Amino acid sequence: MSAEHLSQEEIDALLRGHAAGADWSPVRSALAAALSRAWEGAKALFGVPVQVGELEVREVAGAEATAALGGGDAVWARIPLDDGAAYAYVLLDRPLALGLVAAALGTEPEADLSATGAGVLSEILSQLSGRTLADVLVEAGWSAQVGGVEVLGPDQAPSQESLVGFVHTVDAGTARGSVMLALPAAVARRLRGGLEPEAPAAPPAGAGATPRSAPAPGPSSAPAPPREAAGASGPETGRPAATPPTVAYQPAQFPELSPSAAAPPVRNLDLLLDVTLQVTVELGRTTKQIRDVLELGPGAVIELEKLAGEPVDVLVNGKRIARGEVVVVDEHFAVRITDIVSPVERAGSLGRQGSG
């Protein structure tokens, strides 16, 4: 090692040694809760209950991640953050990857991951690892955009990057193995900073000191009875003790507060009239299995849940405000409003969304 220059390998080793004593429990706890929610929702996708093991933290370089997972053949995938400004990685045992794809498609596991299987695996990991990471970013106050998961080839896996890996086992019927959600050290540190509880503010200097000139009041502050009275009452042993003098007090008096003039209502609504709102007309929705989506092609028909002739919903910034019927105006589709959603109905729909 040169006294003036360090190689990249030496720098990475020093960084890993510095991070070895770090406390990743805030990130581990947040990821464990988010993973539990994500895999719980995967029961409908795989058709079997999914068991997830406890998270273990392992700090490794990219080239060592496969060995940390168990040393077998593994599949790498990456999750872009903020359009590729940073990446998180998912590493899972190849038999587990093939088993998850087969469970989602309802087929037997393939011998190797095909292009179709890689696409299905990307969708599965987007629903699981991508959703988990997005939930933790929100909890940490990090407004990064999480992109779709991309399955990497053998020569695309990171090798020199320092990673903080969170490893857990998955048991989904015939699909069993280990999964690692690996975060670059800088991303993991930023998440930890957002998830750590804030330390209580220190009290101002001198606030806890007790003034010497103001001793705490106590029972001894009452005036002692005169010695003559005590001596005179000596022969009468059955006489009760003298009652201490009553301290006179008055309730505190506060001046009346004059009512302040109410602030005039803001009437500058004209300032908001030029704000752009996103208006969307929703024709209908439906749900499809991954198998059906992959089989779509030109000429395929998707049947929606909305009946023919049923009013369509008009959404403003994602909130339904009206219903209407589809018409054609100058060769353009349009909507004739037939019903405005009442405030009561809007409040009810918000309540249902919150409970869901």
Protein backbone atom coordinates (compact mmCIF):
# COMPACT_ATOMS: atom_id res chain seq x y z
CA MET A 1 0.00 0.00 0.00
CA SER A 2 1.42 3.37 -0.97
CA ALA A 3 1.63 6.08 1.69
CA GLU A 4 0.09 8.61 -0.69
CA HIS A 5 -2.42 6.67 -2.81
CA LEU A 6 -4.97 3.96 -2.08
CA SER A 7 -6.37 1.60 -4.67
CA GLN A 8 -10.12 1.32 -5.16
CA GLU A 9 -10.07 -2.16 -3.58
CA GLU A 10 -8.35 -0.75 -0.47
CA ILE A 11 -10.85 2.11 -0.26
CA ASP A 12 -13.77 -0.33 -0.50
CA ALA A 13 -12.21 -2.53 2.17
CA LEU A 14 -11.82 0.45 4.49
CA LEU A 15 -15.41 1.51 3.86
CA ARG A 16 -16.67 -1.99 4.64
CA GLY A 17 -14.59 -2.10 7.79
CA HIS A 18 -15.98 1.28 8.87
CA ALA A 19 -19.55 0.15 8.19
CA ALA A 20 -19.14 -3.14 10.03
CA GLY A 21 -19.92 -1.50 13.34
CA ALA A 22 -22.93 0.40 12.03
CA ASP A 23 -26.34 -0.18 13.52
CA TRP A 24 -28.74 -1.07 10.71
CA SER A 25 -31.62 -2.02 13.00
CA PRO A 26 -33.86 0.94 11.91
CA VAL A 27 -33.55 -0.08 8.24
CA ARG A 28 -33.89 -3.77 9.10
CA SER A 29 -37.09 -3.20 11.10
CA ALA A 30 -38.68 -1.04 8.39
CA LEU A 31 -37.78 -3.52 5.64
CA ALA A 32 -39.06 -6.47 7.68
CA ALA A 33 -42.47 -4.84 8.15
CA ALA A 34 -42.71 -3.81 4.48
CA LEU A 35 -41.62 -7.26 3.27
CA SER A 36 -44.23 -8.92 5.44
CA ARG A 37 -46.96 -6.79 3.86
CA ALA A 38 -45.68 -7.36 0.32
CA TRP A 39 -45.37 -11.15 0.61
CA GLU A 40 -48.73 -11.35 2.37
CA GLY A 41 -50.29 -9.86 -0.76
CA ALA A 42 -48.41 -12.39 -2.90
CA LYS A 43 -50.65 -15.24 -1.76
CA ALA A 44 -53.14 -14.40 -4.51
CA LEU A 45 -50.32 -14.32 -7.08
CA PHE A 46 -48.86 -17.73 -6.23
CA GLY A 47 -52.00 -19.42 -4.92
CA VAL A 48 -50.20 -20.76 -1.83
CA PRO A 49 -49.29 -19.29 1.57
CA VAL A 50 -45.85 -17.67 1.63
CA GLN A 51 -43.54 -17.94 4.64
CA VAL A 52 -40.78 -15.32 5.03
CA GLY A 53 -37.83 -15.76 7.39
CA GLU A 54 -36.18 -13.15 9.57
CA LEU A 55 -33.90 -10.56 7.99
CA GLU A 56 -30.14 -10.84 8.42
CA VAL A 57 -27.79 -7.94 7.65
CA ARG A 58 -24.61 -8.64 5.69
CA GLU A 59 -22.17 -6.00 4.46
CA VAL A 60 -20.41 -7.22 1.32
CA ALA A 61 -18.97 -6.14 -1.98
CA GLY A 62 -20.92 -6.98 -5.09
CA ALA A 63 -18.55 -9.81 -5.99
CA GLU A 64 -19.06 -11.40 -2.54
CA ALA A 65 -22.87 -11.16 -2.51
CA THR A 66 -23.46 -14.56 -4.12
CA ALA A 67 -21.29 -16.27 -1.52
CA ALA A 68 -23.14 -14.40 1.26
CA LEU A 69 -26.44 -15.70 -0.13
CA GLY A 70 -25.30 -19.31 0.07
CA GLY A 71 -22.75 -19.76 -2.68
CA GLY A 72 -25.04 -21.33 -5.31
CA ASP A 73 -26.16 -20.06 -8.69
CA ALA A 74 -28.07 -16.79 -8.32
CA VAL A 75 -30.09 -14.31 -10.38
CA TRP A 76 -29.40 -10.58 -10.14
CA ALA A 77 -31.93 -7.81 -10.69
CA ARG A 78 -31.74 -4.09 -10.10
CA ILE A 79 -34.23 -1.41 -9.09
CA PRO A 80 -33.55 2.11 -10.41
CA LEU A 81 -34.06 5.07 -8.09
CA ASP A 82 -34.78 8.50 -9.58
CA ASP A 83 -34.37 7.32 -13.19
CA GLY A 84 -31.05 5.59 -12.56
CA ALA A 85 -29.39 8.13 -10.24
CA ALA A 86 -28.88 5.17 -7.90
CA TYR A 87 -29.74 1.47 -7.91
CA ALA A 88 -30.85 -1.09 -5.38
CA TYR A 89 -30.29 -4.76 -6.17
CA VAL A 90 -32.18 -8.01 -5.63
CA LEU A 91 -30.26 -11.28 -5.54
CA LEU A 92 -32.12 -14.59 -5.28
CA ASP A 93 -31.32 -18.27 -5.66
CA ARG A 94 -31.88 -19.42 -9.23
CA PRO A 95 -34.09 -22.40 -8.18
CA LEU A 96 -36.24 -19.96 -6.18
CA ALA A 97 -36.48 -17.60 -9.17
CA LEU A 98 -37.55 -20.45 -11.48
CA GLY A 99 -40.03 -21.70 -8.88
CA LEU A 100 -41.66 -18.28 -8.44
CA VAL A 101 -42.05 -17.88 -12.21
CA ALA A 102 -43.60 -21.35 -12.52
CA ALA A 103 -45.99 -20.69 -9.62
CA ALA A 104 -47.12 -17.41 -11.19
CA LEU A 105 -47.67 -19.02 -14.62
CA GLY A 106 -49.16 -22.24 -13.27
CA THR A 107 -46.57 -24.36 -15.09
CA GLU A 108 -43.64 -26.60 -14.22
CA PRO A 109 -40.31 -24.89 -13.44
CA GLU A 110 -38.05 -24.37 -16.46
CA ALA A 111 -34.49 -25.64 -16.61
CA ASP A 112 -33.22 -22.08 -17.13
CA LEU A 113 -34.64 -18.59 -17.11
CA SER A 114 -36.01 -17.76 -20.57
CA ALA A 115 -36.81 -14.28 -21.88
CA THR A 116 -40.48 -14.79 -20.99
CA GLY A 117 -39.51 -16.03 -17.54
CA ALA A 118 -37.25 -13.02 -17.02
CA GLY A 119 -40.17 -10.72 -17.85
CA VAL A 120 -42.43 -12.54 -15.40
CA LEU A 121 -39.72 -12.41 -12.71
CA SER A 122 -39.35 -8.67 -13.26
CA GLU A 123 -43.08 -8.20 -12.63
CA ILE A 124 -42.97 -10.40 -9.53
CA LEU A 125 -40.00 -8.54 -8.04
CA SER A 126 -41.59 -5.18 -8.89
CA GLN A 127 -44.65 -6.19 -6.85
CA LEU A 128 -42.54 -7.52 -3.97
CA SER A 129 -39.08 -5.97 -3.65
CA GLY A 130 -39.96 -2.78 -5.54
CA ARG A 131 -43.04 -2.18 -3.43
CA THR A 132 -41.09 -2.94 -0.24
CA LEU A 133 -38.37 -0.44 -1.11
CA ALA A 134 -40.93 2.21 -2.08
CA ASP A 135 -42.71 1.83 1.28
CA VAL A 136 -39.44 2.20 3.22
CA LEU A 137 -38.41 5.26 1.18
CA VAL A 138 -41.71 6.94 2.06
CA GLU A 139 -41.27 6.04 5.74
CA ALA A 140 -37.77 7.55 5.67
CA GLY A 141 -39.03 10.77 4.08
CA TRP A 142 -37.12 10.16 0.83
CA SER A 143 -39.20 11.10 -2.20
CA ALA A 144 -37.20 9.02 -4.69
CA GLN A 145 -39.06 7.44 -7.60
CA VAL A 146 -38.75 3.64 -7.73
CA GLY A 147 -38.59 2.25 -11.26
CA GLY A 148 -39.40 -1.18 -12.63
CA VAL A 149 -37.19 -4.13 -11.76
CA GLU A 150 -34.76 -5.25 -14.48
CA VAL A 151 -33.30 -8.77 -14.47
CA LEU A 152 -29.56 -8.57 -15.18
CA GLY A 153 -27.34 -10.84 -17.19
CA PRO A 154 -24.33 -12.62 -15.65
CA ASP A 155 -21.92 -9.90 -16.81
CA GLN A 156 -24.10 -7.01 -15.53
CA ALA A 157 -23.94 -7.79 -11.81
CA PRO A 158 -22.12 -5.18 -9.70
CA SER A 159 -18.69 -6.37 -8.56
CA GLN A 160 -16.85 -3.50 -6.83
CA GLU A 161 -19.75 -1.66 -5.19
CA SER A 162 -20.00 -1.79 -1.38
CA LEU A 163 -23.45 -3.14 -0.47
CA VAL A 164 -25.51 -3.58 2.67
CA GLY A 165 -27.55 -6.74 2.11
CA PHE A 166 -30.74 -7.78 3.90
CA VAL A 167 -31.16 -11.54 3.48
CA HIS A 168 -34.30 -13.58 4.20
CA THR A 169 -35.63 -16.98 3.24
CA VAL A 170 -38.83 -17.55 1.25
CA ASP A 171 -41.02 -20.65 1.29
CA ALA A 172 -43.82 -20.53 -1.31
CA GLY A 173 -44.86 -24.14 -1.76
CA THR A 174 -42.38 -25.75 -4.12
CA ALA A 175 -40.45 -22.48 -4.50
CA ARG A 176 -37.92 -22.19 -1.67
CA GLY A 177 -34.68 -20.27 -1.28
CA SER A 178 -32.98 -17.10 -0.11
CA VAL A 179 -33.41 -13.52 -1.29
CA MET A 180 -31.14 -10.54 -0.66
CA LEU A 181 -32.24 -6.92 -1.05
CA ALA A 182 -28.88 -5.17 -1.42
CA LEU A 183 -28.53 -1.41 -1.02
CA PRO A 184 -25.44 0.63 -1.86
CA ALA A 185 -23.78 1.85 1.34
CA ALA A 186 -24.67 5.49 0.61
CA VAL A 187 -28.35 4.62 0.04
CA ALA A 188 -28.47 2.49 3.21
CA ARG A 189 -26.92 5.29 5.29
CA ARG A 190 -29.43 7.81 3.96
CA LEU A 191 -32.32 5.47 4.78
CA ARG A 192 -30.95 4.91 8.27
CA GLY A 193 -30.72 8.66 8.84
CA GLY A 194 -34.37 9.10 7.86
CA LEU A 195 -35.59 6.16 9.95
CA GLU A 196 -33.66 6.81 13.17
CA PRO A 197 -35.76 8.45 15.90
CA GLU A 198 -34.89 12.06 16.49
CA ALA A 199 -32.93 12.74 19.67
CA PRO A 200 -34.80 14.91 22.21
CA ALA A 201 -33.77 18.54 22.20
CA ALA A 202 -31.29 19.45 24.95
CA PRO A 203 -32.68 21.81 27.61
CA PRO A 204 -31.30 25.36 27.55
CA ALA A 205 -28.23 26.00 29.67
CA GLY A 206 -29.08 26.69 33.27
CA ALA A 207 -32.71 25.63 32.89
CA GLY A 208 -32.29 22.66 35.23
CA ALA A 209 -30.34 24.55 37.92
CA THR A 210 -32.20 25.36 41.12
CA PRO A 211 -31.74 28.99 42.32
CA ARG A 212 -29.91 29.14 45.63
CA SER A 213 -32.01 32.05 46.86
CA ALA A 214 -35.30 30.15 46.47
CA PRO A 215 -35.28 27.01 48.67
CA ALA A 216 -38.08 24.53 48.08
CA PRO A 217 -41.04 25.08 50.42
CA GLY A 218 -41.69 22.31 52.90
CA PRO A 219 -43.52 21.55 56.13
CA SER A 220 -40.78 23.33 58.10
CA SER A 221 -41.78 26.66 56.56
CA ALA A 222 -44.70 27.00 58.99
CA PRO A 223 -43.83 29.22 62.03
CA ALA A 224 -42.89 27.25 65.15
CA PRO A 225 -45.19 27.70 68.19
CA PRO A 226 -43.84 29.90 71.02
CA ARG A 227 -41.78 28.11 73.66
CA GLU A 228 -43.96 29.56 76.43
CA ALA A 229 -47.08 27.96 74.98
CA ALA A 230 -45.36 24.63 74.68
CA GLY A 231 -44.20 24.76 78.28
CA ALA A 232 -47.63 25.75 79.60
CA SER A 233 -49.31 22.79 77.98
CA GLY A 234 -46.88 20.27 79.43
CA PRO A 235 -49.06 18.93 82.29
CA GLU A 236 -52.06 18.25 80.02
CA THR A 237 -50.82 15.21 78.13
CA GLY A 238 -54.23 14.39 76.59
CA ARG A 239 -54.72 17.79 75.03
CA PRO A 240 -54.52 17.77 71.20
CA ALA A 241 -51.71 19.61 69.45
CA ALA A 242 -52.26 23.22 68.51
CA THR A 243 -53.77 23.77 65.05
CA PRO A 244 -51.32 25.53 62.70
CA PRO A 245 -52.39 29.00 61.60
CA THR A 246 -54.45 29.17 58.41
CA VAL A 247 -52.75 30.89 55.48
CA ALA A 248 -55.04 33.37 53.76
CA TYR A 249 -55.08 33.28 49.95
CA GLN A 250 -56.90 35.02 47.13
CA PRO A 251 -57.70 33.69 43.67
CA ALA A 252 -55.55 35.11 40.90
CA GLN A 253 -57.11 37.99 39.01
CA PHE A 254 -56.53 38.29 35.26
CA PRO A 255 -57.52 41.25 33.12
CA GLU A 256 -60.18 40.63 30.51
CA LEU A 257 -58.91 39.96 27.02
CA SER A 258 -60.46 42.18 24.44
CA PRO A 259 -61.73 40.15 21.45
CA SER A 260 -59.49 40.61 18.43
CA ALA A 261 -61.02 41.52 15.16
CA ALA A 262 -61.56 38.50 12.92
CA ALA A 263 -59.32 38.32 9.89
CA PRO A 264 -61.19 39.09 6.69
CA PRO A 265 -61.77 36.03 4.49
CA VAL A 266 -59.46 35.59 1.56
CA ARG A 267 -61.25 36.36 -1.67
CA ASN A 268 -58.38 36.10 -4.14
CA LEU A 269 -59.79 33.03 -5.86
CA ASP A 270 -58.74 34.48 -9.20
CA LEU A 271 -55.18 33.46 -8.34
CA LEU A 272 -56.21 29.79 -8.56
CA LEU A 273 -58.21 29.93 -11.78
CA ASP A 274 -55.15 29.31 -13.98
CA VAL A 275 -53.97 26.23 -12.06
CA THR A 276 -53.92 23.16 -14.33
CA LEU A 277 -55.81 20.06 -13.19
CA GLN A 278 -55.58 16.58 -14.69
CA VAL A 279 -59.04 15.47 -15.88
CA THR A 280 -59.39 11.76 -16.63
CA VAL A 281 -62.37 9.77 -17.87
CA GLU A 282 -62.25 6.16 -16.71
CA LEU A 283 -64.09 3.80 -19.03
CA GLY A 284 -63.65 0.75 -16.81
CA ARG A 285 -61.22 -1.63 -15.15
CA THR A 286 -60.52 -5.34 -14.90
CA THR A 287 -57.93 -7.72 -13.51
CA LYS A 288 -55.82 -10.20 -15.47
CA GLN A 289 -53.37 -12.91 -14.55
CA ILE A 290 -49.80 -12.59 -15.70
CA ARG A 291 -50.38 -15.49 -18.12
CA ASP A 292 -53.23 -13.58 -19.81
CA VAL A 293 -51.23 -10.35 -20.04
CA LEU A 294 -48.27 -12.10 -21.66
CA GLU A 295 -50.59 -13.70 -24.24
CA LEU A 296 -52.04 -10.35 -25.38
CA GLY A 297 -51.49 -9.46 -29.00
CA PRO A 298 -53.04 -7.53 -31.88
CA GLY A 299 -56.75 -8.29 -32.07
CA ALA A 300 -57.05 -9.40 -28.45
CA VAL A 301 -60.13 -8.14 -26.60
CA ILE A 302 -60.06 -7.09 -22.95
CA GLU A 303 -63.48 -7.25 -21.31
CA LEU A 304 -64.03 -4.55 -18.69
CA GLU A 305 -66.14 -4.86 -15.57
CA LYS A 306 -68.34 -1.88 -16.50
CA LEU A 307 -71.57 -2.68 -18.35
CA ALA A 308 -72.46 -1.17 -21.72
CA GLY A 309 -74.38 2.08 -21.32
CA GLU A 310 -73.31 2.49 -17.70
CA PRO A 311 -72.11 6.04 -16.88
CA VAL A 312 -68.37 6.59 -16.92
CA ASP A 313 -66.46 8.24 -14.07
CA VAL A 314 -64.88 11.70 -14.43
CA LEU A 315 -61.76 12.06 -12.25
CA VAL A 316 -59.96 15.29 -11.38
CA ASN A 317 -56.46 14.71 -10.01
CA GLY A 318 -57.47 11.11 -9.35
CA LYS A 319 -60.64 11.98 -7.38
CA ARG A 320 -64.08 11.20 -8.81
CA ILE A 321 -66.23 14.32 -9.06
CA ALA A 322 -68.85 13.45 -11.69
CA ARG A 323 -70.39 10.82 -13.97
CA GLY A 324 -71.35 11.14 -17.59
CA GLU A 325 -72.00 9.48 -20.91
CA VAL A 326 -69.57 9.23 -23.81
CA VAL A 327 -70.43 11.32 -26.89
CA VAL A 328 -68.60 12.33 -30.06
CA VAL A 329 -67.96 16.01 -30.82
CA ASP A 330 -66.19 16.95 -34.07
CA GLU A 331 -64.69 13.46 -34.40
CA HIS A 332 -63.38 13.63 -30.83
CA PHE A 333 -64.61 11.62 -27.89
CA ALA A 334 -66.21 13.73 -25.16
CA VAL A 335 -68.27 13.24 -22.02
CA ARG A 336 -71.65 14.79 -21.28
CA ILE A 337 -71.93 15.29 -17.52
CA THR A 338 -75.07 13.63 -16.16
CA ASP A 339 -74.41 13.63 -12.43
CA ILE A 340 -72.17 15.54 -10.01
CA VAL A 341 -70.87 13.50 -7.09
CA SER A 342 -72.18 14.97 -3.84
CA PRO A 343 -69.75 15.98 -1.06
CA VAL A 344 -71.25 13.27 1.15
CA GLU A 345 -70.55 10.58 -1.45
CA ARG A 346 -67.04 11.92 -2.01
CA ALA A 347 -66.34 11.77 1.73
CA GLY A 348 -67.66 8.21 1.82
CA SER A 349 -65.41 7.12 -1.03
CA LEU A 350 -62.40 8.68 0.70
CA GLY A 351 -63.28 6.74 3.84
CA ARG A 352 -63.45 3.48 1.88
CA GLN A 353 -60.09 4.21 0.29
CA GLY A 354 -58.54 4.92 3.66
CA SER A 355 -59.89 1.67 5.14
CA GLY A 356 -58.68 -0.33 2.17
